[in-house]
C-alpha atoms as a PDB file:
ATOM      1  CA  UNK A   1      22.399   4.836 112.126  1.00  0.00           C
ATOM      2  CA  UNK A   2      25.636   6.020 110.268  1.00  0.00           C
ATOM      3  CA  UNK A   3      27.824   3.897 112.595  1.00  0.00           C
ATOM      4  CA  UNK A   4      25.326   0.839 112.663  1.00  0.00           C
ATOM      5  CA  UNK A   5      25.573   0.456 108.792  1.00  0.00           C
ATOM      6  CA  UNK A   6      29.495   0.286 109.143  1.00  0.00           C
ATOM      7  CA  UNK A   7      29.207  -2.329 111.919  1.00  0.00           C
ATOM      8  CA  UNK A   8      26.827  -4.383 110.596  1.00  0.00           C
ATOM      9  CA  UNK A   9      29.099  -4.762 107.404  1.00  0.00           C
ATOM     10  CA  UNK A  10      32.227  -5.549 109.467  1.00  0.00           C
ATOM     11  CA  UNK A  11      30.193  -8.315 111.615  1.00  0.00           C
ATOM     12  CA  UNK A  12      29.071  -9.529 108.146  1.00  0.00           C
ATOM     13  CA  UNK A  13      32.728  -9.817 106.967  1.00  0.00           C
ATOM     14  CA  UNK A  14      33.555 -11.485 110.474  1.00  0.00           C
ATOM     15  CA  UNK A  15      30.913 -14.097 109.954  1.00  0.00           C
ATOM     16  CA  UNK A  16      32.071 -15.044 106.540  1.00  0.00           C
ATOM     17  CA  UNK A  17      35.961 -15.043 107.737  1.00  0.00           C
ATOM     18  CA  UNK A  18      34.825 -17.476 110.657  1.00  0.00           C
ATOM     19  CA  UNK A  19      32.801 -19.625 108.450  1.00  0.00           C
ATOM     20  CA  UNK A  20      35.936 -20.040 105.992  1.00  0.00           C
ATOM     21  CA  UNK A  21      37.744 -20.909 108.897  1.00  0.00           C
ATOM     22  CA  UNK A  22      35.296 -23.372 109.878  1.00  0.00           C
ATOM     23  CA  UNK A  23      35.385 -24.937 106.423  1.00  0.00           C
ATOM     24  CA  UNK A  24      39.265 -25.005 106.647  1.00  0.00           C
ATOM     25  CA  UNK A  25      39.474 -26.898 109.831  1.00  0.00           C
ATOM     26  CA  UNK A  26      36.547 -29.609 109.472  1.00  0.00           C
ATOM     27  CA  UNK A  27      35.792 -32.119 106.778  1.00  0.00           C
ATOM     28  CA  UNK A  28      33.146 -29.764 105.394  1.00  0.00           C
ATOM     29  CA  UNK A  29      35.966 -28.340 103.205  1.00  0.00           C
ATOM     30  CA  UNK A  30      34.703 -30.034 100.314  1.00  0.00           C
ATOM     31  CA  UNK A  31      31.673 -27.866 100.085  1.00  0.00           C
ATOM     32  CA  UNK A  32      34.008 -24.765  99.648  1.00  0.00           C
ATOM     33  CA  UNK A  33      35.768 -26.111  96.985  1.00  0.00           C
ATOM     34  CA  UNK A  34      33.523 -28.592  95.291  1.00  0.00           C
ATOM     35  CA  UNK A  35      29.819 -27.344  95.912  1.00  0.00           C
ATOM     36  CA  UNK A  36      30.011 -23.572  96.486  1.00  0.00           C
ATOM     37  CA  UNK A  37      31.821 -22.587  93.126  1.00  0.00           C
ATOM     38  CA  UNK A  38      29.120 -23.970  91.278  1.00  0.00           C
ATOM     39  CA  UNK A  39      26.233 -22.504  93.465  1.00  0.00           C
ATOM     40  CA  UNK A  40      28.013 -18.909  93.218  1.00  0.00           C
ATOM     41  CA  UNK A  41      28.691 -19.204  89.707  1.00  0.00           C
ATOM     42  CA  UNK A  42      25.117 -20.217  88.686  1.00  0.00           C
ATOM     43  CA  UNK A  43      23.795 -17.416  91.016  1.00  0.00           C
ATOM     44  CA  UNK A  44      25.810 -14.932  89.485  1.00  0.00           C
ATOM     45  CA  UNK A  45      24.941 -15.969  85.905  1.00  0.00           C
ATOM     46  CA  UNK A  46      21.088 -16.208  86.706  1.00  0.00           C
ATOM     47  CA  UNK A  47      21.186 -13.213  88.511  1.00  0.00           C
ATOM     48  CA  UNK A  48      22.825 -11.158  85.933  1.00  0.00           C
ATOM     49  CA  UNK A  49      20.886 -12.270  83.210  1.00  0.00           C
ATOM     50  CA  UNK A  50      17.659 -11.618  85.152  1.00  0.00           C
ATOM     51  CA  UNK A  51      18.872  -8.075  85.878  1.00  0.00           C
ATOM     52  CA  UNK A  52      19.675  -7.295  82.171  1.00  0.00           C
ATOM     53  CA  UNK A  53      16.451  -8.771  80.886  1.00  0.00           C
ATOM     54  CA  UNK A  54      14.441  -6.760  83.321  1.00  0.00           C
ATOM     55  CA  UNK A  55      16.095  -3.701  82.544  1.00  0.00           C
ATOM     56  CA  UNK A  56      15.940  -4.344  78.619  1.00  0.00           C
ATOM     57  CA  UNK A  57      12.106  -4.886  78.719  1.00  0.00           C
ATOM     58  CA  UNK A  58      11.329  -1.633  80.586  1.00  0.00           C
ATOM     59  CA  UNK A  59       9.787   0.708  77.724  1.00  0.00           C
ATOM     60  CA  UNK A  60      11.633   3.817  76.456  1.00  0.00           C
ATOM     61  CA  UNK A  61       9.404   5.371  74.098  1.00  0.00           C
ATOM     62  CA  UNK A  62      11.104   8.839  73.680  1.00  0.00           C
ATOM     63  CA  UNK A  63      14.756  10.136  73.848  1.00  0.00           C
ATOM     64  CA  UNK A  64      15.551  11.315  77.530  1.00  0.00           C
ATOM     65  CA  UNK A  65      19.224  11.621  76.710  1.00  0.00           C
ATOM     66  CA  UNK A  66      21.419  13.537  79.341  1.00  0.00           C
ATOM     67  CA  UNK A  67      23.542  16.133  77.420  1.00  0.00           C
ATOM     68  CA  UNK A  68      25.855  18.889  78.395  1.00  0.00           C
ATOM     69  CA  UNK A  69      26.887  19.858  74.704  1.00  0.00           C
ATOM     70  CA  UNK A  70      25.207  21.835  71.873  1.00  0.00           C
ATOM     71  CA  UNK A  71      22.749  19.487  69.843  1.00  0.00           C
ATOM     72  CA  UNK A  72      23.245  18.950  66.105  1.00  0.00           C
ATOM     73  CA  UNK A  73      20.585  21.423  64.652  1.00  0.00           C
ATOM     74  CA  UNK A  74      21.336  23.926  61.908  1.00  0.00           C
ATOM     75  CA  UNK A  75      24.380  23.286  59.571  1.00  0.00           C
ATOM     76  CA  UNK A  76      26.034  26.419  60.768  1.00  0.00           C
ATOM     77  CA  UNK A  77      25.507  25.703  64.366  1.00  0.00           C
ATOM     78  CA  UNK A  78      28.720  23.788  65.604  1.00  0.00           C
ATOM     79  CA  UNK A  79      27.462  20.737  67.698  1.00  0.00           C
ATOM     80  CA  UNK A  80      29.140  18.398  70.058  1.00  0.00           C
ATOM     81  CA  UNK A  81      29.264  15.209  68.557  1.00  0.00           C
ATOM     82  CA  UNK A  82      30.511  13.337  71.724  1.00  0.00           C
ATOM     83  CA  UNK A  83      28.697  15.537  74.391  1.00  0.00           C
ATOM     84  CA  UNK A  84      25.311  15.543  72.363  1.00  0.00           C
ATOM     85  CA  UNK A  85      25.570  12.786  69.511  1.00  0.00           C
ATOM     86  CA  UNK A  86      23.078  12.656  66.934  1.00  0.00           C
ATOM     87  CA  UNK A  87      24.044   9.110  65.408  1.00  0.00           C
ATOM     88  CA  UNK A  88      25.062   5.713  66.258  1.00  0.00           C
ATOM     89  CA  UNK A  89      28.771   6.284  65.978  1.00  0.00           C
ATOM     90  CA  UNK A  90      28.636   9.146  68.382  1.00  0.00           C
ATOM     91  CA  UNK A  91      26.813   7.339  71.178  1.00  0.00           C
ATOM     92  CA  UNK A  92      29.621   4.518  70.638  1.00  0.00           C
ATOM     93  CA  UNK A  93      32.225   7.005  71.386  1.00  0.00           C
ATOM     94  CA  UNK A  94      30.064   8.477  74.315  1.00  0.00           C
ATOM     95  CA  UNK A  95      29.922   5.165  75.703  1.00  0.00           C
ATOM     96  CA  UNK A  96      33.281   4.108  75.040  1.00  0.00           C
ATOM     97  CA  UNK A  97      34.785   7.258  77.085  1.00  0.00           C
ATOM     98  CA  UNK A  98      32.239   6.561  79.977  1.00  0.00           C
ATOM     99  CA  UNK A  99      33.102   2.851  80.141  1.00  0.00           C
ATOM    100  CA  UNK A 100      36.927   2.999  79.934  1.00  0.00           C
ATOM    101  CA  UNK A 101      37.683   6.556  81.338  1.00  0.00           C
ATOM    102  CA  UNK A 102      34.548   7.488  83.458  1.00  0.00           C
ATOM    103  CA  UNK A 103      34.421  10.708  81.534  1.00  0.00           C
ATOM    104  CA  UNK A 104      31.148  12.173  83.354  1.00  0.00           C
ATOM    105  CA  UNK A 105      33.236  11.296  86.859  1.00  0.00           C
ATOM    106  CA  UNK A 106      35.814  13.376  85.355  1.00  0.00           C
ATOM    107  CA  UNK A 107      33.528  16.324  85.288  1.00  0.00           C
ATOM    108  CA  UNK A 108      32.610  15.878  88.868  1.00  0.00           C
ATOM    109  CA  UNK A 109      32.949  19.054  90.804  1.00  0.00           C
ATOM    110  CA  UNK A 110      32.895  19.979  94.496  1.00  0.00           C
ATOM    111  CA  UNK A 111      30.690  22.579  96.000  1.00  0.00           C
ATOM    112  CA  UNK A 112      31.896  24.787  98.928  1.00  0.00           C
ATOM    113  CA  UNK A 113      29.848  27.555 100.416  1.00  0.00           C
ATOM    114  CA  UNK A 114      31.970  30.695 100.974  1.00  0.00           C
ATOM    115  CA  UNK A 115      29.729  33.316 102.876  1.00  0.00           C
ATOM    116  CA  UNK A 116      26.416  32.820 101.134  1.00  0.00           C
ATOM    117  CA  UNK A 117      27.861  32.142  97.655  1.00  0.00           C
ATOM    118  CA  UNK A 118      28.553  28.609  96.504  1.00  0.00           C
ATOM    119  CA  UNK A 119      31.906  28.083  94.893  1.00  0.00           C
ATOM    120  CA  UNK A 120      32.754  25.210  92.385  1.00  0.00           C
ATOM    121  CA  UNK A 121      35.762  23.609  92.285  1.00  0.00           C
ATOM    122  CA  UNK A 122      37.787  20.664  90.803  1.00  0.00           C
ATOM    123  CA  UNK A 123      36.977  16.994  92.435  1.00  0.00           C
ATOM    124  CA  UNK A 124      39.178  14.782  90.348  1.00  0.00           C
ATOM    125  CA  UNK A 125      40.382  12.300  93.323  1.00  0.00           C
ATOM    126  CA  UNK A 126      37.217  10.490  93.219  1.00  0.00           C
ATOM    127  CA  UNK A 127      37.748  10.098  89.394  1.00  0.00           C
ATOM    128  CA  UNK A 128      41.459   9.132  89.882  1.00  0.00           C
ATOM    129  CA  UNK A 129      41.119   6.484  92.285  1.00  0.00           C
ATOM    130  CA  UNK A 130      37.665   5.064  90.860  1.00  0.00           C
ATOM    131  CA  UNK A 131      39.499   4.679  87.293  1.00  0.00           C
ATOM    132  CA  UNK A 132      42.739   3.227  89.212  1.00  0.00           C
ATOM    133  CA  UNK A 133      40.623   0.759  91.158  1.00  0.00           C
ATOM    134  CA  UNK A 134      38.598  -0.528  88.224  1.00  0.00           C
ATOM    135  CA  UNK A 135      41.525  -0.819  85.816  1.00  0.00           C
ATOM    136  CA  UNK A 136      43.430  -2.624  88.375  1.00  0.00           C
ATOM    137  CA  UNK A 137      40.817  -5.214  89.216  1.00  0.00           C
ATOM    138  CA  UNK A 138      40.297  -5.662  85.483  1.00  0.00           C
ATOM    139  CA  UNK A 139      43.992  -6.667  85.243  1.00  0.00           C
ATOM    140  CA  UNK A 140      44.048  -8.649  88.433  1.00  0.00           C
ATOM    141  CA  UNK A 141      40.776 -10.597  86.854  1.00  0.00           C
ATOM    142  CA  UNK A 142      42.695 -11.305  83.501  1.00  0.00           C
ATOM    143  CA  UNK A 143      46.040 -12.572  85.115  1.00  0.00           C
ATOM    144  CA  UNK A 144      43.770 -15.066  87.089  1.00  0.00           C
ATOM    145  CA  UNK A 145      42.708 -16.547  84.017  1.00  0.00           C
ATOM    146  CA  UNK A 146      46.194 -18.530  83.935  1.00  0.00           C
ATOM    147  CA  UNK A 147      44.719 -20.753  86.387  1.00  0.00           C
ATOM    148  CA  UNK A 148      41.673 -21.620  84.410  1.00  0.00           C
ATOM    149  CA  UNK A 149      43.224 -22.522  81.081  1.00  0.00           C
ATOM    150  CA  UNK A 150      46.014 -24.834  79.864  1.00  0.00           C
ATOM    151  CA  UNK A 151      47.968 -23.718  78.034  1.00  0.00           C
ATOM    152  CA  UNK A 152      48.524 -20.242  79.133  1.00  0.00           C
ATOM    153  CA  UNK A 153      47.760 -17.692  76.584  1.00  0.00           C
ATOM    154  CA  UNK A 154      50.628 -15.655  75.495  1.00  0.00           C
ATOM    155  CA  UNK A 155      48.810 -12.343  76.130  1.00  0.00           C
ATOM    156  CA  UNK A 156      48.317 -13.263  79.965  1.00  0.00           C
ATOM    157  CA  UNK A 157      52.193 -13.789  80.464  1.00  0.00           C
ATOM    158  CA  UNK A 158      52.631 -10.552  78.435  1.00  0.00           C
ATOM    159  CA  UNK A 159      50.202  -8.731  80.740  1.00  0.00           C
ATOM    160  CA  UNK A 160      51.817 -10.444  83.826  1.00  0.00           C
ATOM    161  CA  UNK A 161      55.046  -9.321  82.762  1.00  0.00           C
ATOM    162  CA  UNK A 162      53.972  -5.681  82.161  1.00  0.00           C
ATOM    163  CA  UNK A 163      52.403  -5.834  85.474  1.00  0.00           C
ATOM    164  CA  UNK A 164      55.327  -6.945  87.390  1.00  0.00           C
ATOM    165  CA  UNK A 165      57.936  -4.646  85.146  1.00  0.00           C
ATOM    166  CA  UNK A 166      59.716  -3.395  87.984  1.00  0.00           C
ATOM    167  CA  UNK A 167      60.407  -6.918  89.628  1.00  0.00           C
ATOM    168  CA  UNK A 168      60.025  -5.527  93.030  1.00  0.00           C
ATOM    169  CA  UNK A 169      60.294  -8.290  95.574  1.00  0.00           C
ATOM    170  CA  UNK A 170      60.402 -12.293  95.444  1.00  0.00           C
ATOM    171  CA  UNK A 171      57.764 -12.954  94.279  1.00  0.00           C
ATOM    172  CA  UNK A 172      57.170  -9.995  91.959  1.00  0.00           C
ATOM    173  CA  UNK A 173      54.988  -7.183  93.772  1.00  0.00           C
ATOM    174  CA  UNK A 174      52.367  -6.522  90.884  1.00  0.00           C
ATOM    175  CA  UNK A 175      51.609  -2.759  90.349  1.00  0.00           C
ATOM    176  CA  UNK A 176      47.845  -3.574  89.921  1.00  0.00           C
ATOM    177  CA  UNK A 177      47.930  -5.143  93.308  1.00  0.00           C
ATOM    178  CA  UNK A 178      49.032  -2.008  94.857  1.00  0.00           C
ATOM    179  CA  UNK A 179      46.965  -0.055  92.747  1.00  0.00           C
ATOM    180  CA  UNK A 180      43.613  -1.834  93.660  1.00  0.00           C
ATOM    181  CA  UNK A 181      44.567  -1.595  97.348  1.00  0.00           C
ATOM    182  CA  UNK A 182      45.100   1.975  97.040  1.00  0.00           C
ATOM    183  CA  UNK A 183      42.128   2.830  95.273  1.00  0.00           C
ATOM    184  CA  UNK A 184      39.799   0.448  97.485  1.00  0.00           C
ATOM    185  CA  UNK A 185      41.195   2.075 100.797  1.00  0.00           C
ATOM    186  CA  UNK A 186      40.526   5.652  99.168  1.00  0.00           C
ATOM    187  CA  UNK A 187      36.940   4.845  98.390  1.00  0.00           C
ATOM    188  CA  UNK A 188      36.368   3.239 101.780  1.00  0.00           C
ATOM    189  CA  UNK A 189      37.966   5.972 103.802  1.00  0.00           C
ATOM    190  CA  UNK A 190      36.040   8.549 101.764  1.00  0.00           C
ATOM    191  CA  UNK A 191      32.886   6.855 103.024  1.00  0.00           C
ATOM    192  CA  UNK A 192      33.776   6.941 106.505  1.00  0.00           C
ATOM    193  CA  UNK A 193      35.528  10.346 106.800  1.00  0.00           C
ATOM    194  CA  UNK A 194      33.514  12.652 104.573  1.00  0.00           C
ATOM    195  CA  UNK A 195      30.355  13.266 106.625  1.00  0.00           C
ATOM    196  CA  UNK A 196      28.056  13.985 103.703  1.00  0.00           C
ATOM    197  CA  UNK A 197      28.989  10.455 102.078  1.00  0.00           C
ATOM    198  CA  UNK A 198      28.654   8.701 105.539  1.00  0.00           C
ATOM    199  CA  UNK A 199      25.273   9.930 105.948  1.00  0.00           C
ATOM    200  CA  UNK A 200      24.130   8.384 102.625  1.00  0.00           C
ATOM    201  CA  UNK A 201      26.066   5.401 103.002  1.00  0.00           C
ATOM    202  CA  UNK A 202      24.420   2.200 103.497  1.00  0.00           C
ATOM    203  CA  UNK A 203      24.948  -1.647 104.725  1.00  0.00           C
ATOM    204  CA  UNK A 204      25.328  -2.594 100.820  1.00  0.00           C
ATOM    205  CA  UNK A 205      28.013   0.330 100.388  1.00  0.00           C
ATOM    206  CA  UNK A 206      30.447  -0.834 103.217  1.00  0.00           C
ATOM    207  CA  UNK A 207      29.795  -4.376 102.701  1.00  0.00           C
ATOM    208  CA  UNK A 208      30.856  -4.310  98.761  1.00  0.00           C
ATOM    209  CA  UNK A 209      34.156  -2.244  99.836  1.00  0.00           C
ATOM    210  CA  UNK A 210      35.117  -4.227 102.746  1.00  0.00           C
ATOM    211  CA  UNK A 211      34.394  -7.694 100.809  1.00  0.00           C
ATOM    212  CA  UNK A 212      36.428  -6.550  98.166  1.00  0.00           C
ATOM    213  CA  UNK A 213      39.393  -5.561 100.433  1.00  0.00           C
ATOM    214  CA  UNK A 214      38.948  -8.790 101.916  1.00  0.00           C
ATOM    215  CA  UNK A 215      39.498 -10.535  98.721  1.00  0.00           C
ATOM    216  CA  UNK A 216      42.550  -8.227  97.775  1.00  0.00           C
ATOM    217  CA  UNK A 217      44.086  -8.432 101.245  1.00  0.00           C
ATOM    218  CA  UNK A 218      43.960 -12.410 101.335  1.00  0.00           C
ATOM    219  CA  UNK A 219      45.258 -12.342  97.911  1.00  0.00           C
ATOM    220  CA  UNK A 220      48.071 -10.562  98.696  1.00  0.00           C
ATOM    221  CA  UNK A 221      48.860 -12.439 102.107  1.00  0.00           C
ATOM    222  CA  UNK A 222      48.662 -15.799 100.137  1.00  0.00           C
ATOM    223  CA  UNK A 223      51.328 -14.587  97.347  1.00  0.00           C
ATOM    224  CA  UNK A 224      53.803 -12.906  99.692  1.00  0.00           C
ATOM    225  CA  UNK A 225      53.378 -14.190 103.318  1.00  0.00           C
ATOM    226  CA  UNK A 226      51.405 -17.234 103.575  1.00  0.00           C
ATOM    227  CA  UNK A 227      52.171 -18.829 100.135  1.00  0.00           C
ATOM    228  CA  UNK A 228      49.796 -21.542  98.464  1.00  0.00           C
ATOM    229  CA  UNK A 229      50.787 -24.011  96.104  1.00  0.00           C
ATOM    230  CA  UNK A 230      49.999 -22.662  92.545  1.00  0.00           C
ATOM    231  CA  UNK A 231      50.025 -26.111  91.026  1.00  0.00           C
ATOM    232  CA  UNK A 232      47.264 -27.362  93.534  1.00  0.00           C
ATOM    233  CA  UNK A 233      45.413 -24.226  93.091  1.00  0.00           C
ATOM    234  CA  UNK A 234      45.837 -24.439  89.302  1.00  0.00           C
ATOM    235  CA  UNK A 235      44.734 -27.984  89.409  1.00  0.00           C
ATOM    236  CA  UNK A 236      41.574 -26.981  91.597  1.00  0.00           C
ATOM    237  CA  UNK A 237      40.597 -24.235  89.193  1.00  0.00           C
ATOM    238  CA  UNK A 238      41.126 -26.714  86.008  1.00  0.00           C
ATOM    239  CA  UNK A 239      38.640 -29.295  88.046  1.00  0.00           C
ATOM    240  CA  UNK A 240      36.041 -26.656  88.339  1.00  0.00           C
ATOM    241  CA  UNK A 241      36.278 -25.842  84.679  1.00  0.00           C
ATOM    242  CA  UNK A 242      36.186 -29.430  83.697  1.00  0.00           C
ATOM    243  CA  UNK A 243      33.365 -30.467  86.272  1.00  0.00           C
ATOM    244  CA  UNK A 244      35.912 -32.566  88.383  1.00  0.00           C
ATOM    245  CA  UNK A 245      36.647 -30.580  91.272  1.00  0.00           C
ATOM    246  CA  UNK A 246      39.096 -32.118  93.808  1.00  0.00           C
ATOM    247  CA  UNK A 247      40.099 -31.074  97.199  1.00  0.00           C
ATOM    248  CA  UNK A 248      43.409 -28.791  97.182  1.00  0.00           C
ATOM    249  CA  UNK A 249      46.209 -30.246  99.108  1.00  0.00           C
ATOM    250  CA  UNK A 250      48.189 -28.228 101.742  1.00  0.00           C
ATOM    251  CA  UNK A 251      45.628 -25.195 101.347  1.00  0.00           C
ATOM    252  CA  UNK A 252      46.140 -22.972 104.344  1.00  0.00           C
ATOM    253  CA  UNK A 253      43.248 -20.846 106.029  1.00  0.00           C
ATOM    254  CA  UNK A 254      43.855 -17.654 104.031  1.00  0.00           C
ATOM    255  CA  UNK A 255      43.161 -19.624 100.819  1.00  0.00           C
ATOM    256  CA  UNK A 256      39.596 -20.623 102.335  1.00  0.00           C
ATOM    257  CA  UNK A 257      39.097 -17.140 103.455  1.00  0.00           C
ATOM    258  CA  UNK A 258      39.941 -15.888 100.023  1.00  0.00           C
ATOM    259  CA  UNK A 259      37.600 -18.357  98.473  1.00  0.00           C
ATOM    260  CA  UNK A 260      34.624 -17.657 100.693  1.00  0.00           C
ATOM    261  CA  UNK A 261      34.942 -14.013 100.035  1.00  0.00           C
ATOM    262  CA  UNK A 262      35.124 -14.367  96.232  1.00  0.00           C
ATOM    263  CA  UNK A 263      32.127 -16.909  96.167  1.00  0.00           C
ATOM    264  CA  UNK A 264      30.266 -14.432  98.184  1.00  0.00           C
ATOM    265  CA  UNK A 265      30.917 -11.331  95.960  1.00  0.00           C
ATOM    266  CA  UNK A 266      30.055 -13.634  93.033  1.00  0.00           C
ATOM    267  CA  UNK A 267      26.738 -14.591  94.393  1.00  0.00           C
ATOM    268  CA  UNK A 268      25.624 -11.107  95.881  1.00  0.00           C
ATOM    269  CA  UNK A 269      27.006  -9.090  92.663  1.00  0.00           C
ATOM    270  CA  UNK A 270      23.919  -9.189  90.645  1.00  0.00           C
ATOM    271  CA  UNK A 271      21.542  -7.909  93.415  1.00  0.00           C
ATOM    272  CA  UNK A 272      23.921  -5.009  94.624  1.00  0.00           C
ATOM    273  CA  UNK A 273      24.967  -1.540  93.221  1.00  0.00           C
ATOM    274  CA  UNK A 274      27.874  -3.360  91.288  1.00  0.00           C
ATOM    275  CA  UNK A 275      25.434  -4.421  88.797  1.00  0.00           C
ATOM    276  CA  UNK A 276      26.338  -0.901  87.377  1.00  0.00           C
ATOM    277  CA  UNK A 277      28.798  -2.679  85.249  1.00  0.00           C
ATOM    278  CA  UNK A 278      26.079  -4.097  83.357  1.00  0.00           C
ATOM    279  CA  UNK A 279      23.397  -1.426  83.657  1.00  0.00           C
ATOM    280  CA  UNK A 280      25.610   1.488  82.333  1.00  0.00           C
ATOM    281  CA  UNK A 281      24.845  -0.238  78.913  1.00  0.00           C
ATOM    282  CA  UNK A 282      21.311   0.048  79.407  1.00  0.00           C
ATOM    283  CA  UNK A 283      20.985   3.433  80.455  1.00  0.00           C
ATOM    284  CA  UNK A 284      18.669   5.565  78.271  1.00  0.00           C
ATOM    285  CA  UNK A 285      20.370   8.622  79.256  1.00  0.00           C
ATOM    286  CA  UNK A 286      23.723   7.118  77.671  1.00  0.00           C
ATOM    287  CA  UNK A 287      22.664   4.889  74.921  1.00  0.00           C
ATOM    288  CA  UNK A 288      20.302   7.037  72.892  1.00  0.00           C
ATOM    289  CA  UNK A 289      21.400   9.721  70.289  1.00  0.00           C
ATOM    290  CA  UNK A 290      19.883  12.988  70.696  1.00  0.00           C
ATOM    291  CA  UNK A 291      18.012  13.394  67.596  1.00  0.00           C
ATOM    292  CA  UNK A 292      14.918  15.127  68.664  1.00  0.00           C
ATOM    293  CA  UNK A 293      15.502  17.969  66.129  1.00  0.00           C
ATOM    294  CA  UNK A 294      15.818  15.625  63.174  1.00  0.00           C
ATOM    295  CA  UNK A 295      13.059  12.986  64.040  1.00  0.00           C
ATOM    296  CA  UNK A 296       9.752  13.281  65.945  1.00  0.00           C
ATOM    297  CA  UNK A 297       9.469  10.637  68.708  1.00  0.00           C
ATOM    298  CA  UNK A 298       5.831   9.746  69.399  1.00  0.00           C
ATOM    299  CA  UNK A 299       4.963   7.569  72.374  1.00  0.00           C
ATOM    300  CA  UNK A 300       3.361   4.497  70.910  1.00  0.00           C
ATOM    301  CA  UNK A 301       1.799   3.475  74.457  1.00  0.00           C
ATOM    302  CA  UNK A 302      -0.332   6.956  74.564  1.00  0.00           C
ATOM    303  CA  UNK A 303      -3.981   6.024  74.802  1.00  0.00           C
ATOM    304  CA  UNK A 304      -6.474   7.980  72.864  1.00  0.00           C
ATOM    305  CA  UNK A 305      -7.656  11.022  74.745  1.00  0.00           C
ATOM    306  CA  UNK A 306     -10.710  13.030  73.844  1.00  0.00           C
ATOM    307  CA  UNK A 307      -9.744  16.753  73.711  1.00  0.00           C
ATOM    308  CA  UNK A 308     -11.980  19.880  73.647  1.00  0.00           C
ATOM    309  CA  UNK A 309     -10.212  22.114  71.226  1.00  0.00           C
ATOM    310  CA  UNK A 310     -10.829  25.936  71.232  1.00  0.00           C
ATOM    311  CA  UNK A 311     -12.939  25.758  68.006  1.00  0.00           C
ATOM    312  CA  UNK A 312     -15.250  23.351  69.715  1.00  0.00           C
ATOM    313  CA  UNK A 313     -15.001  25.670  72.983  1.00  0.00           C
ATOM    314  CA  UNK A 314     -15.868  28.838  71.002  1.00  0.00           C
ATOM    315  CA  UNK A 315     -18.869  27.150  69.148  1.00  0.00           C
ATOM    316  CA  UNK A 316     -20.209  26.195  72.515  1.00  0.00           C
ATOM    317  CA  UNK A 317     -19.979  29.420  74.324  1.00  0.00           C
ATOM    318  CA  UNK A 318     -20.030  31.948  71.302  1.00  0.00           C
ATOM    319  CA  UNK A 319     -23.128  33.552  72.528  1.00  0.00           C
ATOM    320  CA  UNK A 320     -21.902  34.159  76.185  1.00  0.00           C
ATOM    321  CA  UNK A 321     -18.628  35.219  74.817  1.00  0.00           C
ATOM    322  CA  UNK A 322     -20.285  37.691  72.561  1.00  0.00           C
ATOM    323  CA  UNK A 323     -22.270  39.145  75.278  1.00  0.00           C
ATOM    324  CA  UNK A 324     -19.195  39.560  77.568  1.00  0.00           C
ATOM    325  CA  UNK A 325     -17.518  41.269  74.829  1.00  0.00           C
ATOM    326  CA  UNK A 326     -14.812  38.527  74.468  1.00  0.00           C
ATOM    327  CA  UNK A 327     -12.916  38.609  71.142  1.00  0.00           C
ATOM    328  CA  UNK A 328     -14.095  35.551  68.863  1.00  0.00           C
ATOM    329  CA  UNK A 329     -12.017  33.859  66.062  1.00  0.00           C
ATOM    330  CA  UNK A 330     -15.480  33.205  64.137  1.00  0.00           C
ATOM    331  CA  UNK A 331     -18.429  35.648  63.936  1.00  0.00           C
END
């Protein structure tokens, strides 16, 4: 079953590749460049909005924060404002560290059984390569904005200059390209090699990594081995933005494969685990202040329940309790 999930995802990637080649060498290429971009973007936008609204509607009647620090209580007890925030600013700081630095993943530990005793050790490789992949992908997405706006914003040129600071090769090899490929390769091999991770990996896990690897690989191939005419690519991108798409001239098969992978990722994104990008902001274990000792939080949806108090119980069974020699609060 573990191997089947990987093989199924590989077959799905091959089908997408053959479909893209079919678009490239047939008159149906206009579908990939004029129709599918809008279908994929509309699916992404609608799906993303639906998932966020559905999560936002889930009632959270009380604080269920996950903390690993001292809660704010008495003045003379030092609390941890980021681990266990008691106000909005503390929550913002904790969320910022989680979103930008993956703080909870940084504390991840590895468990090894030595004899019959568990031993906990550092496991920072997952945090490092995860952070490397996400920041590199963000840099690449921001760099690609140069295809969609005219004139190009100065900060995009500045970001590209920093990314290609070492000026390796012609055209310049961007650091983010190497970093994102390195991070994705580690995340993929981790799922394939580690038996514990492979056992719990599903088709969706492999498919997401292979799809991202396909996008990155075809992008690198177009930049360094099968160059695409950037002027035609920009005209195509500006045509999408202005709702006047046109067929690109002299676009090779690698370009169509790259587009097919990108549009597939856009349409599939809201319905996959990749939606953690938006879901992290709606996680009640992270976005709520831990102020349970300062305020009493009552569940507003609690239905009235008829209770039988001890006083009522004693009044009902007083004589029997007295005969049994049981102590009574009231004589």
